[in-house]
Amino acid sequence: MKILIILSSVSRFPKLNKPTGSWLEELYIPFTAFREAGLSIDFTSPQGGEVSIDPVSIEMFKSHALFDVYKSDLKFDGQLQSTIPLNQIDAGEYAAVFIPGGYAPLFDLYKNAELDSVLEKFIEKIKLFQQFAMQGAHLFH
């Protein structure tokens, strides 16, 4: 079974020019669970390529038991550096979609037509998708 994790391409807060990205805990803990369950995982983002993790979330994750695993997880790091562009995703290939939280997704996933298309295909097929934290805002536009 394949799972699609949708991440933001935004690495800095617009106007503030402060670093941001996906929220590490909301991404890495589920990612680890999916991987341990033997699931195949692809990462996508609106622009494709490298995505960022919010530096505040990294600091907050340092006390978590998985932090040392995260720091040495080269496969995870490699996937963050080479996400698939969202417009190249075939939703039919995936059994589930997962969208972790953070501030960055509010800037490029909210009201995103390509994301709408992927999620509509999942809803039509009654497939699973999960959004964390603020990412539920996407469903209300």
N, C-alpha and C. Protein backbone atom coordinates (compact mmCIF):
# COMPACT_ATOMS: atom_id res chain seq x y z
N MET A 1 0.85 -1.18 0.00
CA MET A 1 0.00 0.00 0.00
C MET A 1 0.90 1.24 0.00
N LYS A 2 0.49 2.25 -0.79
CA LYS A 2 1.25 3.50 -0.89
C LYS A 2 0.49 4.64 -0.22
N ILE A 3 1.25 5.46 0.49
CA ILE A 3 0.70 6.66 1.14
C ILE A 3 1.40 7.88 0.54
N LEU A 4 0.61 8.93 0.33
CA LEU A 4 1.14 10.19 -0.17
C LEU A 4 1.16 11.20 0.96
N ILE A 5 2.33 11.74 1.26
CA ILE A 5 2.45 12.81 2.26
C ILE A 5 2.64 14.12 1.50
N ILE A 6 1.72 15.06 1.75
CA ILE A 6 1.74 16.34 1.06
C ILE A 6 2.33 17.40 1.98
N LEU A 7 3.40 18.03 1.52
CA LEU A 7 4.12 19.03 2.30
C LEU A 7 4.08 20.39 1.60
N SER A 8 4.41 21.42 2.34
CA SER A 8 4.49 22.78 1.81
C SER A 8 5.84 23.01 1.14
N SER A 9 5.83 23.86 0.14
CA SER A 9 7.08 24.31 -0.48
C SER A 9 7.60 25.59 0.15
N VAL A 10 6.83 26.19 1.05
CA VAL A 10 7.20 27.47 1.66
C VAL A 10 8.27 27.24 2.74
N SER A 11 9.34 28.03 2.68
CA SER A 11 10.41 27.90 3.66
C SER A 11 10.57 29.15 4.54
N ARG A 12 9.87 30.23 4.17
CA ARG A 12 9.95 31.47 4.95
C ARG A 12 8.56 32.09 5.03
N PHE A 13 8.27 32.69 6.19
CA PHE A 13 7.01 33.41 6.33
C PHE A 13 6.99 34.58 5.35
N PRO A 14 5.94 34.69 4.54
CA PRO A 14 5.84 35.87 3.68
C PRO A 14 5.82 37.14 4.53
N LYS A 15 6.41 38.16 4.04
CA LYS A 15 6.50 39.49 4.66
C LYS A 15 7.45 39.52 5.86
N LEU A 16 7.47 38.50 6.70
CA LEU A 16 8.34 38.49 7.88
C LEU A 16 9.75 38.00 7.55
N ASN A 17 9.86 37.20 6.50
CA ASN A 17 11.12 36.61 6.07
C ASN A 17 11.79 35.78 7.16
N LYS A 18 10.98 35.18 8.03
CA LYS A 18 11.50 34.27 9.06
C LYS A 18 11.32 32.84 8.57
N PRO A 19 12.24 31.94 8.94
CA PRO A 19 12.13 30.56 8.47
C PRO A 19 10.91 29.83 9.03
N THR A 20 10.34 28.97 8.21
CA THR A 20 9.23 28.12 8.61
C THR A 20 9.29 26.85 7.77
N GLY A 21 8.28 26.05 7.84
CA GLY A 21 8.21 24.80 7.09
C GLY A 21 7.17 23.91 7.73
N SER A 22 7.19 22.65 7.39
CA SER A 22 6.28 21.69 8.01
C SER A 22 6.69 21.46 9.46
N TRP A 23 5.73 21.06 10.29
CA TRP A 23 5.99 20.85 11.71
C TRP A 23 6.54 19.44 11.90
N LEU A 24 7.75 19.33 12.42
CA LEU A 24 8.47 18.07 12.49
C LEU A 24 7.71 16.96 13.20
N GLU A 25 7.22 17.22 14.40
CA GLU A 25 6.54 16.17 15.17
C GLU A 25 5.32 15.64 14.42
N GLU A 26 4.58 16.53 13.77
CA GLU A 26 3.37 16.13 13.06
C GLU A 26 3.68 15.41 11.76
N LEU A 27 4.90 15.49 11.30
CA LEU A 27 5.34 14.78 10.11
C LEU A 27 6.09 13.50 10.46
N TYR A 28 7.08 13.59 11.34
CA TYR A 28 7.99 12.47 11.54
C TYR A 28 7.37 11.31 12.32
N ILE A 29 6.56 11.59 13.31
CA ILE A 29 5.95 10.49 14.08
C ILE A 29 5.03 9.65 13.19
N PRO A 30 4.10 10.26 12.43
CA PRO A 30 3.28 9.43 11.53
C PRO A 30 4.13 8.76 10.44
N PHE A 31 5.11 9.47 9.89
CA PHE A 31 5.98 8.89 8.87
C PHE A 31 6.64 7.61 9.41
N THR A 32 7.14 7.69 10.63
CA THR A 32 7.79 6.53 11.25
C THR A 32 6.80 5.37 11.41
N ALA A 33 5.59 5.69 11.84
CA ALA A 33 4.56 4.64 12.00
C ALA A 33 4.21 4.01 10.65
N PHE A 34 4.07 4.83 9.61
CA PHE A 34 3.77 4.29 8.28
C PHE A 34 4.89 3.38 7.80
N ARG A 35 6.12 3.82 7.99
CA ARG A 35 7.27 3.04 7.53
C ARG A 35 7.38 1.73 8.31
N GLU A 36 7.18 1.79 9.63
CA GLU A 36 7.25 0.57 10.44
C GLU A 36 6.14 -0.41 10.08
N ALA A 37 5.03 0.10 9.55
CA ALA A 37 3.93 -0.76 9.11
C ALA A 37 4.20 -1.36 7.73
N GLY A 38 5.33 -1.00 7.13
CA GLY A 38 5.70 -1.55 5.84
C GLY A 38 5.07 -0.85 4.65
N LEU A 39 4.55 0.35 4.86
CA LEU A 39 3.90 1.08 3.78
C LEU A 39 4.93 1.81 2.91
N SER A 40 4.63 1.94 1.65
CA SER A 40 5.45 2.73 0.74
C SER A 40 5.00 4.18 0.85
N ILE A 41 5.95 5.11 0.94
CA ILE A 41 5.63 6.51 1.21
C ILE A 41 6.28 7.40 0.16
N ASP A 42 5.47 8.25 -0.47
CA ASP A 42 5.98 9.29 -1.36
C ASP A 42 5.69 10.65 -0.74
N PHE A 43 6.60 11.59 -0.96
CA PHE A 43 6.41 12.97 -0.51
C PHE A 43 6.15 13.83 -1.74
N THR A 44 5.22 14.76 -1.62
CA THR A 44 4.94 15.71 -2.67
C THR A 44 4.84 17.11 -2.08
N SER A 45 5.02 18.11 -2.92
CA SER A 45 4.85 19.51 -2.52
C SER A 45 4.46 20.29 -3.77
N PRO A 46 3.88 21.47 -3.61
CA PRO A 46 3.44 22.22 -4.79
C PRO A 46 4.53 22.43 -5.84
N GLN A 47 5.74 22.76 -5.43
CA GLN A 47 6.81 23.02 -6.39
C GLN A 47 7.70 21.81 -6.64
N GLY A 48 7.61 20.80 -5.79
CA GLY A 48 8.53 19.68 -5.88
C GLY A 48 9.90 20.09 -5.37
N GLY A 49 10.79 19.15 -5.28
CA GLY A 49 12.14 19.45 -4.81
C GLY A 49 12.23 19.50 -3.30
N GLU A 50 13.19 20.28 -2.81
CA GLU A 50 13.47 20.33 -1.38
C GLU A 50 12.40 21.11 -0.61
N VAL A 51 12.04 20.59 0.56
CA VAL A 51 11.10 21.27 1.46
C VAL A 51 11.78 21.49 2.81
N SER A 52 11.19 22.39 3.59
CA SER A 52 11.79 22.77 4.88
C SER A 52 10.98 22.24 6.06
N ILE A 53 11.69 22.06 7.16
CA ILE A 53 11.07 21.77 8.45
C ILE A 53 11.18 23.03 9.29
N ASP A 54 10.11 23.39 9.97
CA ASP A 54 10.11 24.60 10.80
C ASP A 54 11.19 24.45 11.88
N PRO A 55 12.14 25.39 11.97
CA PRO A 55 13.21 25.27 12.96
C PRO A 55 12.71 25.28 14.40
N VAL A 56 11.62 25.97 14.67
CA VAL A 56 11.05 25.95 16.03
C VAL A 56 10.59 24.54 16.37
N SER A 57 10.00 23.85 15.39
CA SER A 57 9.53 22.49 15.65
C SER A 57 10.69 21.53 15.88
N ILE A 58 11.82 21.78 15.25
CA ILE A 58 13.01 20.94 15.49
C ILE A 58 13.47 21.11 16.93
N GLU A 59 13.54 22.34 17.39
CA GLU A 59 13.92 22.61 18.79
C GLU A 59 12.97 21.92 19.76
N MET A 60 11.69 22.01 19.49
CA MET A 60 10.70 21.42 20.39
C MET A 60 10.75 19.89 20.37
N PHE A 61 11.20 19.31 19.25
CA PHE A 61 11.25 17.85 19.09
C PHE A 61 12.49 17.24 19.76
N LYS A 62 13.45 18.06 20.15
CA LYS A 62 14.70 17.54 20.71
C LYS A 62 14.49 16.69 21.96
N SER A 63 13.43 16.93 22.70
CA SER A 63 13.17 16.15 23.91
C SER A 63 12.41 14.86 23.62
N HIS A 64 12.01 14.64 22.38
CA HIS A 64 11.24 13.45 22.02
C HIS A 64 12.17 12.25 21.86
N ALA A 65 11.66 11.08 22.21
CA ALA A 65 12.45 9.86 22.11
C ALA A 65 12.92 9.57 20.69
N LEU A 66 12.19 10.03 19.69
CA LEU A 66 12.56 9.77 18.30
C LEU A 66 13.57 10.77 17.73
N PHE A 67 13.99 11.75 18.51
CA PHE A 67 14.86 12.79 17.95
C PHE A 67 16.17 12.22 17.41
N ASP A 68 16.81 11.34 18.15
CA ASP A 68 18.08 10.77 17.68
C ASP A 68 17.88 9.94 16.41
N VAL A 69 16.75 9.24 16.34
CA VAL A 69 16.43 8.48 15.13
C VAL A 69 16.27 9.44 13.95
N TYR A 70 15.52 10.52 14.17
CA TYR A 70 15.30 11.54 13.13
C TYR A 70 16.63 12.11 12.63
N LYS A 71 17.54 12.44 13.53
CA LYS A 71 18.81 13.07 13.15
C LYS A 71 19.65 12.17 12.24
N SER A 72 19.49 10.87 12.37
CA SER A 72 20.31 9.96 11.56
C SER A 72 19.50 9.27 10.44
N ASP A 73 18.30 9.74 10.19
CA ASP A 73 17.41 9.11 9.21
C ASP A 73 17.68 9.67 7.81
N LEU A 74 18.60 9.05 7.11
CA LEU A 74 19.01 9.54 5.80
C LEU A 74 17.92 9.36 4.75
N LYS A 75 17.14 8.29 4.86
CA LYS A 75 16.05 8.08 3.89
C LYS A 75 15.02 9.19 4.01
N PHE A 76 14.64 9.54 5.23
CA PHE A 76 13.69 10.63 5.45
C PHE A 76 14.25 11.93 4.90
N ASP A 77 15.50 12.21 5.22
CA ASP A 77 16.14 13.44 4.76
C ASP A 77 16.18 13.49 3.23
N GLY A 78 16.47 12.36 2.62
CA GLY A 78 16.51 12.30 1.16
C GLY A 78 15.15 12.57 0.54
N GLN A 79 14.10 12.07 1.17
CA GLN A 79 12.76 12.32 0.65
C GLN A 79 12.38 13.80 0.78
N LEU A 80 12.85 14.46 1.84
CA LEU A 80 12.57 15.89 2.00
C LEU A 80 13.29 16.72 0.94
N GLN A 81 14.40 16.22 0.44
CA GLN A 81 15.18 16.96 -0.55
C GLN A 81 14.69 16.75 -1.98
N SER A 82 13.82 15.77 -2.17
CA SER A 82 13.41 15.47 -3.55
C SER A 82 11.92 15.12 -3.63
N THR A 83 11.06 16.02 -3.15
CA THR A 83 9.62 15.76 -3.23
C THR A 83 9.15 15.83 -4.69
N ILE A 84 8.10 15.10 -4.96
CA ILE A 84 7.49 15.08 -6.30
C ILE A 84 6.62 16.32 -6.45
N PRO A 85 6.68 17.03 -7.58
CA PRO A 85 5.77 18.16 -7.76
C PRO A 85 4.30 17.69 -7.70
N LEU A 86 3.48 18.44 -7.01
CA LEU A 86 2.08 18.06 -6.80
C LEU A 86 1.35 17.85 -8.12
N ASN A 87 1.69 18.62 -9.16
CA ASN A 87 0.98 18.47 -10.44
C ASN A 87 1.37 17.20 -11.19
N GLN A 88 2.33 16.44 -10.67
CA GLN A 88 2.72 15.17 -11.29
C GLN A 88 2.14 13.96 -10.56
N ILE A 89 1.32 14.21 -9.55
CA ILE A 89 0.78 13.13 -8.73
C ILE A 89 -0.45 12.51 -9.39
N ASP A 90 -0.48 11.19 -9.44
CA ASP A 90 -1.66 10.44 -9.87
C ASP A 90 -2.29 9.87 -8.60
N ALA A 91 -3.37 10.49 -8.16
CA ALA A 91 -4.01 10.10 -6.90
C ALA A 91 -4.41 8.63 -6.89
N GLY A 92 -4.65 8.06 -8.06
CA GLY A 92 -5.05 6.66 -8.15
C GLY A 92 -3.99 5.68 -7.68
N GLU A 93 -2.75 6.13 -7.59
CA GLU A 93 -1.66 5.26 -7.15
C GLU A 93 -1.61 5.07 -5.63
N TYR A 94 -2.38 5.88 -4.91
CA TYR A 94 -2.23 5.92 -3.45
C TYR A 94 -3.50 5.46 -2.74
N ALA A 95 -3.28 4.78 -1.61
CA ALA A 95 -4.40 4.32 -0.78
C ALA A 95 -4.80 5.37 0.24
N ALA A 96 -3.90 6.30 0.54
CA ALA A 96 -4.19 7.31 1.55
C ALA A 96 -3.33 8.55 1.31
N VAL A 97 -3.84 9.68 1.81
CA VAL A 97 -3.12 10.95 1.77
C VAL A 97 -2.98 11.43 3.20
N PHE A 98 -1.82 11.99 3.51
CA PHE A 98 -1.57 12.55 4.84
C PHE A 98 -0.97 13.94 4.66
N ILE A 99 -1.53 14.93 5.38
CA ILE A 99 -1.01 16.30 5.32
C ILE A 99 -0.66 16.74 6.74
N PRO A 100 0.63 16.80 7.06
CA PRO A 100 1.01 17.26 8.40
C PRO A 100 0.83 18.77 8.54
N GLY A 101 0.82 19.22 9.77
CA GLY A 101 0.60 20.64 10.04
C GLY A 101 1.86 21.47 9.99
N GLY A 102 1.73 22.66 10.50
CA GLY A 102 2.79 23.65 10.48
C GLY A 102 2.23 24.94 9.95
N TYR A 103 3.02 25.99 10.00
CA TYR A 103 2.57 27.29 9.48
C TYR A 103 2.69 27.36 7.96
N ALA A 104 3.75 26.81 7.41
CA ALA A 104 4.02 26.94 5.98
C ALA A 104 2.86 26.46 5.09
N PRO A 105 2.22 25.33 5.41
CA PRO A 105 1.14 24.87 4.53
C PRO A 105 -0.02 25.86 4.39
N LEU A 106 -0.17 26.75 5.36
CA LEU A 106 -1.23 27.74 5.26
C LEU A 106 -1.00 28.71 4.10
N PHE A 107 0.23 28.80 3.63
CA PHE A 107 0.55 29.76 2.58
C PHE A 107 0.49 29.18 1.17
N ASP A 108 0.72 27.87 1.01
CA ASP A 108 0.68 27.34 -0.36
C ASP A 108 -0.22 26.12 -0.55
N LEU A 109 -0.76 25.57 0.51
CA LEU A 109 -1.70 24.46 0.35
C LEU A 109 -3.15 24.93 0.45
N TYR A 110 -3.39 25.97 1.23
CA TYR A 110 -4.74 26.52 1.36
C TYR A 110 -5.15 27.13 0.02
N LYS A 111 -6.31 26.78 -0.47
CA LYS A 111 -6.83 27.25 -1.76
C LYS A 111 -5.88 26.92 -2.92
N ASN A 112 -5.35 25.71 -2.89
CA ASN A 112 -4.44 25.24 -3.94
C ASN A 112 -5.22 24.31 -4.87
N ALA A 113 -5.38 24.70 -6.13
CA ALA A 113 -6.20 23.93 -7.08
C ALA A 113 -5.66 22.52 -7.31
N GLU A 114 -4.35 22.36 -7.34
CA GLU A 114 -3.77 21.03 -7.54
C GLU A 114 -4.07 20.13 -6.34
N LEU A 115 -3.98 20.68 -5.14
CA LEU A 115 -4.32 19.91 -3.94
C LEU A 115 -5.80 19.57 -3.94
N ASP A 116 -6.64 20.54 -4.33
CA ASP A 116 -8.08 20.28 -4.43
C ASP A 116 -8.34 19.07 -5.32
N SER A 117 -7.67 19.02 -6.45
CA SER A 117 -7.87 17.92 -7.40
C SER A 117 -7.49 16.57 -6.80
N VAL A 118 -6.34 16.53 -6.13
CA VAL A 118 -5.90 15.27 -5.50
C VAL A 118 -6.90 14.84 -4.43
N LEU A 119 -7.31 15.77 -3.57
CA LEU A 119 -8.24 15.41 -2.48
C LEU A 119 -9.61 15.02 -3.02
N GLU A 120 -10.07 15.69 -4.08
CA GLU A 120 -11.36 15.32 -4.67
C GLU A 120 -11.34 13.89 -5.19
N LYS A 121 -10.23 13.49 -5.79
CA LYS A 121 -10.11 12.11 -6.28
C LYS A 121 -10.14 11.12 -5.13
N PHE A 122 -9.55 11.48 -4.01
CA PHE A 122 -9.58 10.60 -2.84
C PHE A 122 -10.99 10.51 -2.28
N ILE A 123 -11.66 11.63 -2.20
CA ILE A 123 -13.02 11.64 -1.66
C ILE A 123 -13.95 10.84 -2.56
N GLU A 124 -13.80 10.98 -3.89
CA GLU A 124 -14.62 10.23 -4.84
C GLU A 124 -14.47 8.73 -4.65
N LYS A 125 -13.27 8.29 -4.36
CA LYS A 125 -12.99 6.87 -4.20
C LYS A 125 -13.14 6.41 -2.76
N ILE A 126 -13.53 7.32 -1.88
CA ILE A 126 -13.66 7.07 -0.45
C ILE A 126 -12.37 6.49 0.11
N LYS A 127 -11.28 7.09 -0.28
CA LYS A 127 -9.98 6.71 0.26
C LYS A 127 -9.74 7.54 1.52
N LEU A 128 -8.68 7.19 2.22
CA LEU A 128 -8.37 7.86 3.47
C LEU A 128 -7.49 9.07 3.27
N PHE A 129 -7.80 10.12 4.00
CA PHE A 129 -6.86 11.23 4.10
C PHE A 129 -6.95 11.80 5.50
N GLN A 130 -5.83 12.29 5.97
CA GLN A 130 -5.73 12.82 7.32
C GLN A 130 -4.99 14.14 7.26
N GLN A 131 -5.54 15.11 7.96
CA GLN A 131 -4.86 16.39 8.08
C GLN A 131 -4.67 16.67 9.56
N PHE A 132 -3.54 17.26 9.90
CA PHE A 132 -3.25 17.62 11.28
C PHE A 132 -3.39 19.11 11.48
N ALA A 133 -3.77 19.47 12.67
CA ALA A 133 -3.74 20.85 13.15
C ALA A 133 -4.43 21.80 12.19
N MET A 134 -3.74 22.85 11.80
CA MET A 134 -4.33 23.92 11.00
C MET A 134 -4.65 23.49 9.58
N GLN A 135 -4.17 22.35 9.13
CA GLN A 135 -4.39 21.96 7.75
C GLN A 135 -5.85 21.65 7.45
N GLY A 136 -6.66 21.45 8.48
CA GLY A 136 -8.09 21.27 8.27
C GLY A 136 -8.73 22.49 7.64
N ALA A 137 -8.08 23.64 7.74
CA ALA A 137 -8.59 24.88 7.14
C ALA A 137 -8.76 24.72 5.64
N HIS A 138 -7.96 23.88 5.03
CA HIS A 138 -8.04 23.68 3.59
C HIS A 138 -9.43 23.19 3.18
N LEU A 139 -10.06 22.41 4.02
CA LEU A 139 -11.36 21.83 3.68
C LEU A 139 -12.49 22.83 3.69
N PHE A 140 -12.27 24.02 4.23
CA PHE A 140 -13.35 24.98 4.40
C PHE A 140 -13.34 26.13 3.42
N HIS A 141 -12.45 26.13 2.43
CA HIS A 141 -12.44 27.28 1.51
C HIS A 141 -13.41 27.12 0.38
